[in-house]
N, C-alpha and C. Protein backbone atom coordinates (compact mmCIF):
# COMPACT_ATOMS: atom_id res chain seq x y z
N MET A 1 3.05 39.15 36.90
CA MET A 1 1.91 38.54 36.24
C MET A 1 2.41 37.45 35.30
N SER A 2 1.93 36.24 35.47
CA SER A 2 2.36 35.15 34.60
C SER A 2 1.40 35.03 33.42
N ILE A 3 1.95 34.64 32.30
CA ILE A 3 1.16 34.45 31.09
C ILE A 3 1.00 32.96 30.89
N GLU A 4 -0.23 32.51 30.80
CA GLU A 4 -0.50 31.10 30.58
C GLU A 4 -0.74 30.89 29.09
N ILE A 5 0.03 30.01 28.48
CA ILE A 5 -0.08 29.76 27.05
C ILE A 5 -0.86 28.46 26.84
N HIS A 6 -1.86 28.55 25.99
CA HIS A 6 -2.67 27.39 25.64
C HIS A 6 -2.53 27.12 24.15
N THR A 7 -3.05 25.99 23.71
CA THR A 7 -3.02 25.63 22.30
C THR A 7 -4.17 26.29 21.55
N ASP A 8 -4.08 26.25 20.22
CA ASP A 8 -5.18 26.75 19.40
C ASP A 8 -6.47 25.99 19.70
N GLU A 9 -6.35 24.70 19.95
CA GLU A 9 -7.55 23.90 20.25
C GLU A 9 -8.22 24.37 21.55
N TYR A 10 -7.43 24.72 22.53
CA TYR A 10 -7.99 25.23 23.79
C TYR A 10 -8.83 26.48 23.52
N TYR A 11 -8.27 27.42 22.80
CA TYR A 11 -9.00 28.67 22.54
C TYR A 11 -10.20 28.44 21.62
N MET A 12 -10.06 27.48 20.68
CA MET A 12 -11.20 27.19 19.81
C MET A 12 -12.34 26.56 20.63
N ARG A 13 -12.00 25.78 21.64
CA ARG A 13 -13.05 25.25 22.53
C ARG A 13 -13.80 26.39 23.22
N GLN A 14 -13.08 27.43 23.56
CA GLN A 14 -13.71 28.60 24.18
C GLN A 14 -14.65 29.29 23.18
N ALA A 15 -14.21 29.40 21.93
CA ALA A 15 -15.07 29.98 20.89
C ALA A 15 -16.29 29.10 20.66
N LEU A 16 -16.10 27.80 20.68
CA LEU A 16 -17.24 26.88 20.51
C LEU A 16 -18.22 26.97 21.68
N ALA A 17 -17.72 27.23 22.87
CA ALA A 17 -18.62 27.43 24.02
C ALA A 17 -19.49 28.66 23.77
N GLU A 18 -18.92 29.70 23.20
CA GLU A 18 -19.71 30.88 22.84
C GLU A 18 -20.71 30.55 21.75
N ALA A 19 -20.30 29.73 20.79
CA ALA A 19 -21.21 29.33 19.71
C ALA A 19 -22.41 28.57 20.28
N ARG A 20 -22.16 27.74 21.28
CA ARG A 20 -23.28 27.00 21.90
C ARG A 20 -24.24 27.95 22.61
N LEU A 21 -23.73 29.03 23.19
CA LEU A 21 -24.61 30.04 23.80
C LEU A 21 -25.49 30.67 22.73
N ALA A 22 -24.91 30.94 21.57
CA ALA A 22 -25.69 31.49 20.46
C ALA A 22 -26.78 30.50 20.04
N TYR A 23 -26.41 29.24 19.91
CA TYR A 23 -27.36 28.18 19.53
C TYR A 23 -28.56 28.17 20.49
N GLU A 24 -28.26 28.17 21.78
CA GLU A 24 -29.31 28.14 22.80
C GLU A 24 -30.22 29.36 22.75
N ALA A 25 -29.69 30.47 22.25
CA ALA A 25 -30.47 31.71 22.15
C ALA A 25 -31.18 31.84 20.80
N GLY A 26 -31.07 30.81 19.94
CA GLY A 26 -31.72 30.87 18.65
C GLY A 26 -30.95 31.65 17.60
N GLU A 27 -29.69 31.92 17.88
CA GLU A 27 -28.82 32.62 16.93
C GLU A 27 -28.02 31.59 16.14
N VAL A 28 -27.60 31.94 14.94
CA VAL A 28 -26.69 31.07 14.19
C VAL A 28 -25.47 30.85 15.09
N PRO A 29 -25.12 29.58 15.35
CA PRO A 29 -24.09 29.28 16.35
C PRO A 29 -22.66 29.56 15.91
N VAL A 30 -22.28 30.81 16.03
CA VAL A 30 -20.90 31.22 15.77
C VAL A 30 -20.42 31.92 17.03
N GLY A 31 -19.25 31.52 17.50
CA GLY A 31 -18.67 32.12 18.69
C GLY A 31 -17.23 32.53 18.43
N ALA A 32 -16.76 33.48 19.24
CA ALA A 32 -15.41 34.02 19.05
C ALA A 32 -14.80 34.42 20.38
N VAL A 33 -13.48 34.33 20.43
CA VAL A 33 -12.72 34.88 21.55
C VAL A 33 -11.50 35.59 20.98
N VAL A 34 -11.09 36.66 21.66
CA VAL A 34 -9.87 37.37 21.29
C VAL A 34 -8.85 37.13 22.39
N VAL A 35 -7.64 36.76 21.98
CA VAL A 35 -6.57 36.44 22.91
C VAL A 35 -5.41 37.41 22.70
N SER A 36 -4.91 37.92 23.82
CA SER A 36 -3.73 38.79 23.79
C SER A 36 -2.76 38.30 24.85
N GLN A 37 -1.56 38.00 24.45
CA GLN A 37 -0.51 37.55 25.36
C GLN A 37 -0.98 36.39 26.24
N GLY A 38 -1.65 35.43 25.62
CA GLY A 38 -2.08 34.23 26.31
C GLY A 38 -3.31 34.40 27.17
N ARG A 39 -3.97 35.53 27.09
CA ARG A 39 -5.13 35.82 27.94
C ARG A 39 -6.34 36.15 27.07
N ILE A 40 -7.48 35.55 27.38
CA ILE A 40 -8.71 35.89 26.67
C ILE A 40 -9.17 37.26 27.15
N ILE A 41 -9.27 38.20 26.21
CA ILE A 41 -9.67 39.57 26.58
C ILE A 41 -11.08 39.90 26.09
N ALA A 42 -11.67 39.03 25.25
CA ALA A 42 -13.03 39.26 24.78
C ALA A 42 -13.66 37.93 24.38
N ARG A 43 -14.95 37.83 24.67
CA ARG A 43 -15.76 36.66 24.28
C ARG A 43 -17.02 37.20 23.65
N ALA A 44 -17.49 36.51 22.61
CA ALA A 44 -18.71 36.98 21.94
C ALA A 44 -19.33 35.86 21.12
N HIS A 45 -20.58 36.06 20.78
CA HIS A 45 -21.27 35.16 19.85
C HIS A 45 -22.26 36.00 19.04
N ASN A 46 -22.81 35.36 18.01
CA ASN A 46 -23.75 36.08 17.15
C ASN A 46 -24.90 36.65 17.97
N LEU A 47 -25.27 37.88 17.64
CA LEU A 47 -26.40 38.56 18.28
C LEU A 47 -27.31 39.22 17.24
N THR A 48 -27.29 38.72 16.01
CA THR A 48 -28.05 39.37 14.95
C THR A 48 -29.55 39.35 15.19
N GLU A 49 -30.06 38.27 15.73
CA GLU A 49 -31.50 38.18 16.01
C GLU A 49 -31.89 39.03 17.22
N ARG A 50 -31.13 38.88 18.27
CA ARG A 50 -31.43 39.62 19.50
C ARG A 50 -31.38 41.13 19.30
N LEU A 51 -30.37 41.58 18.57
CA LEU A 51 -30.20 43.01 18.35
C LEU A 51 -30.89 43.51 17.09
N ASN A 52 -31.44 42.57 16.30
CA ASN A 52 -32.06 42.94 15.03
C ASN A 52 -31.08 43.75 14.19
N ASP A 53 -29.85 43.21 14.09
CA ASP A 53 -28.74 43.93 13.46
C ASP A 53 -27.93 42.95 12.63
N VAL A 54 -27.94 43.11 11.32
CA VAL A 54 -27.22 42.19 10.44
C VAL A 54 -25.71 42.23 10.65
N SER A 55 -25.21 43.28 11.27
CA SER A 55 -23.76 43.38 11.49
C SER A 55 -23.32 42.82 12.84
N ALA A 56 -24.22 42.28 13.62
CA ALA A 56 -23.89 41.81 14.97
C ALA A 56 -23.32 40.39 14.96
N HIS A 57 -22.39 40.15 14.06
CA HIS A 57 -21.71 38.86 13.99
C HIS A 57 -20.78 38.70 15.19
N ALA A 58 -20.47 37.46 15.52
CA ALA A 58 -19.59 37.17 16.66
C ALA A 58 -18.27 37.92 16.56
N GLU A 59 -17.70 37.94 15.35
CA GLU A 59 -16.41 38.60 15.16
C GLU A 59 -16.50 40.09 15.47
N MET A 60 -17.56 40.73 14.99
CA MET A 60 -17.74 42.17 15.20
C MET A 60 -17.91 42.48 16.69
N GLN A 61 -18.68 41.64 17.37
CA GLN A 61 -18.89 41.82 18.81
C GLN A 61 -17.58 41.64 19.57
N ALA A 62 -16.80 40.63 19.16
CA ALA A 62 -15.52 40.36 19.82
C ALA A 62 -14.52 41.49 19.58
N LEU A 63 -14.47 42.01 18.35
CA LEU A 63 -13.56 43.12 18.05
C LEU A 63 -13.88 44.34 18.91
N THR A 64 -15.15 44.65 19.00
CA THR A 64 -15.57 45.81 19.80
C THR A 64 -15.19 45.63 21.26
N ALA A 65 -15.46 44.44 21.81
CA ALA A 65 -15.14 44.18 23.21
C ALA A 65 -13.62 44.22 23.44
N ALA A 66 -12.85 43.66 22.52
CA ALA A 66 -11.40 43.66 22.67
C ALA A 66 -10.83 45.08 22.59
N ALA A 67 -11.32 45.86 21.64
CA ALA A 67 -10.85 47.24 21.52
C ALA A 67 -11.17 48.04 22.78
N HIS A 68 -12.34 47.80 23.33
CA HIS A 68 -12.71 48.48 24.57
C HIS A 68 -11.77 48.05 25.71
N PHE A 69 -11.48 46.76 25.77
CA PHE A 69 -10.62 46.24 26.83
C PHE A 69 -9.22 46.85 26.76
N ILE A 70 -8.64 46.91 25.56
CA ILE A 70 -7.27 47.42 25.46
C ILE A 70 -7.21 48.94 25.35
N GLY A 71 -8.35 49.55 25.12
CA GLY A 71 -8.38 51.01 25.03
C GLY A 71 -7.85 51.55 23.72
N GLY A 72 -7.99 50.79 22.67
CA GLY A 72 -7.53 51.23 21.35
C GLY A 72 -8.16 50.39 20.27
N LYS A 73 -8.14 50.91 19.05
CA LYS A 73 -8.82 50.22 17.96
C LYS A 73 -7.97 49.18 17.24
N TYR A 74 -6.67 49.18 17.45
CA TYR A 74 -5.80 48.24 16.75
C TYR A 74 -5.51 47.03 17.61
N LEU A 75 -5.69 45.86 17.01
CA LEU A 75 -5.47 44.59 17.72
C LEU A 75 -4.23 43.90 17.15
N THR A 76 -3.15 44.66 17.09
CA THR A 76 -1.93 44.19 16.44
C THR A 76 -1.22 43.06 17.19
N ARG A 77 -1.54 42.87 18.44
CA ARG A 77 -0.92 41.79 19.21
C ARG A 77 -1.97 40.80 19.69
N CYS A 78 -3.00 40.60 18.87
CA CYS A 78 -4.11 39.75 19.27
C CYS A 78 -4.39 38.67 18.23
N THR A 79 -4.99 37.58 18.72
CA THR A 79 -5.47 36.50 17.87
C THR A 79 -6.97 36.37 18.08
N LEU A 80 -7.71 36.28 16.99
CA LEU A 80 -9.14 36.01 17.04
C LEU A 80 -9.35 34.55 16.72
N TYR A 81 -10.06 33.85 17.59
CA TYR A 81 -10.50 32.47 17.37
C TYR A 81 -11.99 32.54 17.13
N VAL A 82 -12.44 31.99 16.01
CA VAL A 82 -13.86 32.03 15.68
C VAL A 82 -14.26 30.69 15.08
N SER A 83 -15.45 30.23 15.41
CA SER A 83 -15.86 28.88 15.01
C SER A 83 -16.18 28.74 13.53
N LEU A 84 -16.43 29.84 12.83
CA LEU A 84 -16.73 29.80 11.40
C LEU A 84 -15.89 30.85 10.68
N GLU A 85 -15.44 30.50 9.50
CA GLU A 85 -14.66 31.44 8.69
C GLU A 85 -15.40 32.77 8.56
N PRO A 86 -14.73 33.87 8.83
CA PRO A 86 -15.39 35.18 8.73
C PRO A 86 -15.85 35.51 7.31
N CYS A 87 -16.95 36.23 7.24
CA CYS A 87 -17.48 36.71 5.96
C CYS A 87 -16.67 37.93 5.50
N MET A 88 -17.03 38.45 4.35
CA MET A 88 -16.33 39.60 3.80
C MET A 88 -16.44 40.82 4.72
N MET A 89 -17.61 41.06 5.30
CA MET A 89 -17.79 42.20 6.20
C MET A 89 -16.85 42.09 7.40
N CYS A 90 -16.84 40.91 8.01
CA CYS A 90 -16.00 40.73 9.20
C CYS A 90 -14.52 40.77 8.84
N ALA A 91 -14.15 40.21 7.70
CA ALA A 91 -12.75 40.27 7.26
C ALA A 91 -12.32 41.72 7.06
N GLY A 92 -13.21 42.54 6.54
CA GLY A 92 -12.90 43.96 6.39
C GLY A 92 -12.64 44.62 7.73
N ALA A 93 -13.48 44.30 8.71
CA ALA A 93 -13.27 44.86 10.05
C ALA A 93 -11.97 44.36 10.66
N LEU A 94 -11.65 43.08 10.43
CA LEU A 94 -10.38 42.53 10.92
C LEU A 94 -9.20 43.22 10.26
N HIS A 95 -9.35 43.54 8.99
CA HIS A 95 -8.31 44.28 8.27
C HIS A 95 -8.05 45.62 8.96
N TRP A 96 -9.12 46.39 9.20
CA TRP A 96 -8.98 47.72 9.81
C TRP A 96 -8.43 47.64 11.23
N ALA A 97 -8.74 46.56 11.94
CA ALA A 97 -8.23 46.38 13.31
C ALA A 97 -6.77 45.94 13.32
N GLN A 98 -6.25 45.59 12.14
CA GLN A 98 -4.86 45.13 12.00
C GLN A 98 -4.56 43.93 12.90
N LEU A 99 -5.50 43.02 12.94
CA LEU A 99 -5.37 41.80 13.73
C LEU A 99 -4.09 41.05 13.35
N SER A 100 -3.38 40.54 14.35
CA SER A 100 -2.15 39.80 14.09
C SER A 100 -2.42 38.42 13.51
N ARG A 101 -3.44 37.75 14.08
CA ARG A 101 -3.65 36.35 13.70
C ARG A 101 -5.13 36.02 13.79
N LEU A 102 -5.58 35.21 12.84
CA LEU A 102 -6.95 34.71 12.81
C LEU A 102 -6.91 33.20 12.73
N VAL A 103 -7.69 32.55 13.60
CA VAL A 103 -7.81 31.09 13.59
C VAL A 103 -9.30 30.79 13.58
N PHE A 104 -9.74 29.96 12.63
CA PHE A 104 -11.16 29.62 12.60
C PHE A 104 -11.37 28.13 12.44
N GLY A 105 -12.58 27.70 12.77
CA GLY A 105 -12.95 26.29 12.71
C GLY A 105 -13.38 25.87 11.32
N ALA A 106 -14.67 25.99 11.05
CA ALA A 106 -15.22 25.53 9.78
C ALA A 106 -15.02 26.57 8.68
N PHE A 107 -14.68 26.08 7.49
CA PHE A 107 -14.64 26.95 6.31
C PHE A 107 -16.07 27.23 5.88
N ASP A 108 -16.30 28.40 5.29
CA ASP A 108 -17.60 28.76 4.73
C ASP A 108 -17.44 28.90 3.23
N PRO A 109 -17.72 27.82 2.47
CA PRO A 109 -17.46 27.84 1.03
C PRO A 109 -18.37 28.79 0.25
N ARG A 110 -19.43 29.28 0.86
CA ARG A 110 -20.34 30.20 0.16
C ARG A 110 -20.06 31.66 0.47
N LYS A 111 -19.75 31.97 1.72
CA LYS A 111 -19.62 33.38 2.11
C LYS A 111 -18.32 33.73 2.81
N GLY A 112 -17.42 32.77 2.95
CA GLY A 112 -16.17 33.02 3.66
C GLY A 112 -15.23 33.93 2.90
N PHE A 113 -14.41 34.65 3.65
CA PHE A 113 -13.49 35.61 3.04
C PHE A 113 -12.50 34.97 2.09
N SER A 114 -12.14 33.70 2.33
CA SER A 114 -11.12 33.06 1.50
C SER A 114 -11.64 32.71 0.10
N THR A 115 -12.95 32.84 -0.12
CA THR A 115 -13.51 32.56 -1.44
C THR A 115 -13.35 33.74 -2.39
N TRP A 116 -12.95 34.89 -1.88
CA TRP A 116 -12.80 36.09 -2.71
C TRP A 116 -11.45 36.09 -3.39
N ASP A 117 -11.40 36.66 -4.58
CA ASP A 117 -10.16 36.67 -5.37
C ASP A 117 -9.08 37.54 -4.75
N LYS A 118 -9.47 38.65 -4.16
CA LYS A 118 -8.48 39.58 -3.60
C LYS A 118 -8.39 39.38 -2.09
N PRO A 119 -7.20 39.56 -1.54
CA PRO A 119 -7.04 39.41 -0.09
C PRO A 119 -7.88 40.46 0.65
N LEU A 120 -8.57 40.03 1.68
CA LEU A 120 -9.42 40.94 2.46
C LEU A 120 -8.80 41.27 3.81
N LEU A 121 -7.97 40.40 4.32
CA LEU A 121 -7.34 40.64 5.63
C LEU A 121 -6.15 41.58 5.46
N HIS A 122 -5.73 42.16 6.56
CA HIS A 122 -4.54 43.00 6.56
C HIS A 122 -3.35 42.16 6.09
N PRO A 123 -2.43 42.75 5.32
CA PRO A 123 -1.30 41.97 4.80
C PRO A 123 -0.45 41.29 5.88
N LYS A 124 -0.43 41.84 7.08
CA LYS A 124 0.37 41.24 8.15
C LYS A 124 -0.40 40.21 8.97
N THR A 125 -1.69 40.05 8.70
CA THR A 125 -2.49 39.08 9.45
C THR A 125 -2.21 37.67 8.96
N GLU A 126 -1.78 36.82 9.88
CA GLU A 126 -1.61 35.40 9.57
C GLU A 126 -2.94 34.72 9.85
N TRP A 127 -3.29 33.71 9.05
CA TRP A 127 -4.55 33.01 9.33
C TRP A 127 -4.43 31.52 9.06
N GLU A 128 -5.27 30.80 9.78
CA GLU A 128 -5.33 29.34 9.65
C GLU A 128 -6.76 28.90 9.88
N GLY A 129 -7.26 28.09 8.98
CA GLY A 129 -8.61 27.55 9.11
C GLY A 129 -8.59 26.06 9.34
N GLY A 130 -9.71 25.52 9.79
CA GLY A 130 -9.85 24.08 9.96
C GLY A 130 -9.48 23.57 11.34
N ILE A 131 -9.27 24.45 12.30
CA ILE A 131 -8.98 24.01 13.67
C ILE A 131 -10.30 23.61 14.32
N MET A 132 -10.41 22.35 14.69
CA MET A 132 -11.65 21.79 15.25
C MET A 132 -12.81 22.00 14.26
N GLU A 133 -12.49 21.80 13.00
CA GLU A 133 -13.45 22.04 11.92
C GLU A 133 -14.72 21.19 12.05
N GLU A 134 -14.56 19.92 12.34
CA GLU A 134 -15.73 19.04 12.40
C GLU A 134 -16.69 19.44 13.51
N GLU A 135 -16.17 19.78 14.69
CA GLU A 135 -17.02 20.21 15.79
C GLU A 135 -17.77 21.49 15.44
N SER A 136 -17.08 22.41 14.80
CA SER A 136 -17.69 23.68 14.40
C SER A 136 -18.77 23.45 13.36
N ALA A 137 -18.46 22.64 12.35
CA ALA A 137 -19.42 22.37 11.28
C ALA A 137 -20.63 21.60 11.80
N ALA A 138 -20.41 20.66 12.72
CA ALA A 138 -21.51 19.86 13.27
C ALA A 138 -22.50 20.74 14.01
N LEU A 139 -22.02 21.69 14.76
CA LEU A 139 -22.90 22.61 15.48
C LEU A 139 -23.78 23.39 14.50
N LEU A 140 -23.21 23.86 13.43
CA LEU A 140 -23.97 24.58 12.41
C LEU A 140 -24.98 23.66 11.72
N ARG A 141 -24.55 22.45 11.35
CA ARG A 141 -25.46 21.48 10.70
C ARG A 141 -26.64 21.17 11.60
N ASP A 142 -26.37 20.91 12.87
CA ASP A 142 -27.45 20.60 13.82
C ASP A 142 -28.43 21.76 13.94
N PHE A 143 -27.90 22.97 14.02
CA PHE A 143 -28.74 24.16 14.16
C PHE A 143 -29.68 24.29 12.96
N PHE A 144 -29.14 24.20 11.76
CA PHE A 144 -29.97 24.38 10.57
C PHE A 144 -30.91 23.21 10.33
N ALA A 145 -30.50 22.00 10.70
CA ALA A 145 -31.40 20.84 10.59
C ALA A 145 -32.60 21.02 11.52
N GLU A 146 -32.35 21.51 12.69
CA GLU A 146 -33.42 21.77 13.65
C GLU A 146 -34.37 22.84 13.12
N ARG A 147 -33.82 23.86 12.50
CA ARG A 147 -34.64 24.96 11.95
C ARG A 147 -35.53 24.47 10.80
N ARG A 148 -34.99 23.54 9.98
CA ARG A 148 -35.77 23.03 8.83
C ARG A 148 -36.94 22.17 9.29
N LYS A 149 -36.84 21.57 10.47
CA LYS A 149 -37.94 20.75 11.00
C LYS A 149 -39.15 21.60 11.35
N ASP A 150 -38.89 22.82 11.81
CA ASP A 150 -39.98 23.70 12.29
C ASP A 150 -40.85 24.21 11.19
């Protein structure tokens, strides 16, 4: 079995494709993919409206799908790509999953995990924000601008 390695931008494009699915469904456009050994093992987007569940964020859906795929709750050899910086709830879940790496697009200056004084991610989790930030932020801006018109 060969492992195909892609760039962070490639995987972020995949997360953005999920975010566009959320947008089309009337959900806040946040998408996520989980990658293990160069392979996407989970794809998800926000489902809070559809499921009437405040915890149905893209990250939570992706974590659940990835854990099911690997048959375990720890994602120690996985990277999560998500179009928006995770909130405190999602960062807590990422902590418990012991995620190896987090990569996100747009920063969330109001609710993002990095705005908190204490670290929320697992100490071994590496993270990087701002990958394809403008594309991620534009999708969110367009979504909310459209909502304000209605």
